[in-house]
Amino acid sequence: MGLNDDLHRKTCVPCQGGIAPMSQEKAAILMEQVPGWSLVESARLIRRSFTFRNFMAAQDFANAVGLLSETENHHPDINYGWGYCTVSFYTHKIGGLHENDFIMAAKVDRLQG
């Protein structure tokens, strides 16, 4: 069992906006639960790059992230090519981070298995 087991078990809750993005201090605490992810753009989003043996493996992973995102109704930016897939999460409606972003990071980590 890893550090992100608690986050992995949660479900994203719809964010209607009208709230402030998560503080950099709170984001730093949650980062401890999603090792491998980076806090970027002044704590506005989290990002992780995954490596794969070829293009199709990267594409399959990108598709799996997309399906998971549809299920949770919380969508990342995904970039992929030969041997890599980079996933970035932030909550568009608040222009920054929300707990949902960390929940999704923990779930995406499980996809790589």
Protein backbone atom coordinates (compact mmCIF):
# COMPACT_ATOMS: atom_id res chain seq x y z
CA MET A 1 0.00 0.00 0.00
CA GLY A 2 1.32 3.41 -1.01
CA LEU A 3 0.93 6.85 0.38
CA ASN A 4 -1.87 7.76 -2.02
CA ASP A 5 -4.25 4.97 -1.00
CA ASP A 6 -6.60 7.37 0.77
CA LEU A 7 -6.78 9.72 -2.21
CA HIS A 8 -7.26 6.80 -4.59
CA ARG A 9 -10.41 5.74 -2.72
CA LYS A 10 -12.06 9.15 -2.95
CA THR A 11 -14.34 10.33 -5.73
CA CYS A 12 -14.13 13.72 -7.36
CA VAL A 13 -16.88 16.11 -6.30
CA PRO A 14 -18.16 18.67 -8.81
CA CYS A 15 -16.55 22.07 -8.36
CA GLN A 16 -18.96 24.85 -9.24
CA GLY A 17 -16.35 27.57 -8.98
CA GLY A 18 -16.65 30.58 -6.73
CA ILE A 19 -13.99 29.28 -4.35
CA ALA A 20 -10.33 30.15 -4.09
CA PRO A 21 -7.76 27.73 -5.47
CA MET A 22 -5.83 25.67 -2.94
CA SER A 23 -2.97 27.47 -1.23
CA GLN A 24 0.60 26.54 -2.10
CA GLU A 25 1.07 25.35 1.50
CA LYS A 26 -1.88 22.94 1.36
CA ALA A 27 -0.84 21.76 -2.10
CA ALA A 28 2.66 21.00 -0.78
CA ILE A 29 1.15 18.80 1.94
CA LEU A 30 -0.97 16.85 -0.56
CA MET A 31 2.04 16.47 -2.88
CA GLU A 32 3.49 14.08 -0.30
CA GLN A 33 0.64 11.70 -1.16
CA VAL A 34 1.36 11.66 -4.90
CA PRO A 35 5.09 10.97 -5.29
CA GLY A 36 6.39 11.53 -8.79
CA TRP A 37 4.09 14.48 -9.47
CA SER A 38 5.42 18.04 -9.60
CA LEU A 39 3.84 21.25 -8.39
CA VAL A 40 4.28 23.74 -11.24
CA GLU A 41 3.27 27.22 -12.38
CA SER A 42 3.34 28.75 -8.89
CA ALA A 43 1.27 25.86 -7.48
CA ARG A 44 -1.43 26.35 -10.13
CA LEU A 45 -1.23 22.77 -11.42
CA ILE A 46 0.36 19.37 -10.91
CA ARG A 47 2.14 17.41 -13.63
CA ARG A 48 3.78 14.04 -14.13
CA SER A 49 5.54 12.47 -17.09
CA PHE A 50 5.36 8.70 -17.56
CA THR A 51 7.70 6.70 -19.80
CA PHE A 52 6.81 3.72 -21.98
CA ARG A 53 8.53 1.25 -24.27
CA ASN A 54 6.94 2.63 -27.48
CA PHE A 55 4.28 4.86 -29.00
CA MET A 56 1.37 2.44 -28.65
CA ALA A 57 2.00 1.89 -24.93
CA ALA A 58 1.99 5.67 -24.40
CA GLN A 59 -1.20 6.01 -26.43
CA ASP A 60 -2.90 3.20 -24.54
CA PHE A 61 -2.02 4.91 -21.26
CA ALA A 62 -3.31 8.27 -22.54
CA ASN A 63 -6.58 6.57 -23.54
CA ALA A 64 -6.88 4.92 -20.11
CA VAL A 65 -6.35 8.31 -18.43
CA GLY A 66 -9.05 9.76 -20.70
CA LEU A 67 -11.55 7.03 -19.79
CA LEU A 68 -10.84 7.42 -16.08
CA SER A 69 -11.25 11.19 -16.41
CA GLU A 70 -14.63 10.79 -18.07
CA THR A 71 -15.74 8.46 -15.26
CA GLU A 72 -14.67 10.98 -12.60
CA ASN A 73 -15.77 14.00 -14.69
CA HIS A 74 -12.43 15.72 -14.03
CA HIS A 75 -10.27 16.14 -17.09
CA PRO A 76 -6.52 16.68 -17.45
CA ASP A 77 -4.33 18.02 -20.19
CA ILE A 78 -2.62 15.01 -21.79
CA ASN A 79 0.38 15.14 -24.11
CA TYR A 80 1.93 11.97 -25.49
CA GLY A 81 4.27 10.73 -28.15
CA TRP A 82 6.80 7.97 -28.69
CA GLY A 83 7.61 6.57 -25.25
CA TYR A 84 6.07 9.28 -23.06
CA CYS A 85 2.81 10.62 -21.71
CA THR A 86 2.58 13.81 -19.65
CA VAL A 87 -0.54 14.44 -17.57
CA SER A 88 -1.39 17.80 -15.98
CA PHE A 89 -4.26 18.49 -13.60
CA TYR A 90 -5.79 21.72 -12.39
CA THR A 91 -9.36 22.79 -11.80
CA HIS A 92 -10.40 25.01 -14.67
CA LYS A 93 -13.36 26.62 -12.89
CA ILE A 94 -11.16 28.05 -10.14
CA GLY A 95 -7.97 28.52 -12.16
CA GLY A 96 -5.85 26.46 -9.78
CA LEU A 97 -5.70 23.39 -7.63
CA HIS A 98 -8.50 21.59 -5.79
CA GLU A 99 -8.45 18.28 -3.90
CA ASN A 100 -9.95 16.67 -7.04
CA ASP A 101 -6.65 17.20 -8.85
CA PHE A 102 -4.81 15.15 -6.24
CA ILE A 103 -7.50 12.47 -6.22
CA MET A 104 -7.07 12.10 -9.96
CA ALA A 105 -3.27 12.04 -9.70
CA ALA A 106 -3.53 9.14 -7.25
CA LYS A 107 -5.94 7.30 -9.56
CA VAL A 108 -3.73 7.87 -12.61
CA ASP A 109 -0.78 6.43 -10.69
CA ARG A 110 -2.77 3.22 -10.27
CA LEU A 111 -3.24 2.92 -14.04
CA GLN A 112 0.45 2.53 -14.63
CA GLY A 113 0.46 -0.37 -12.20
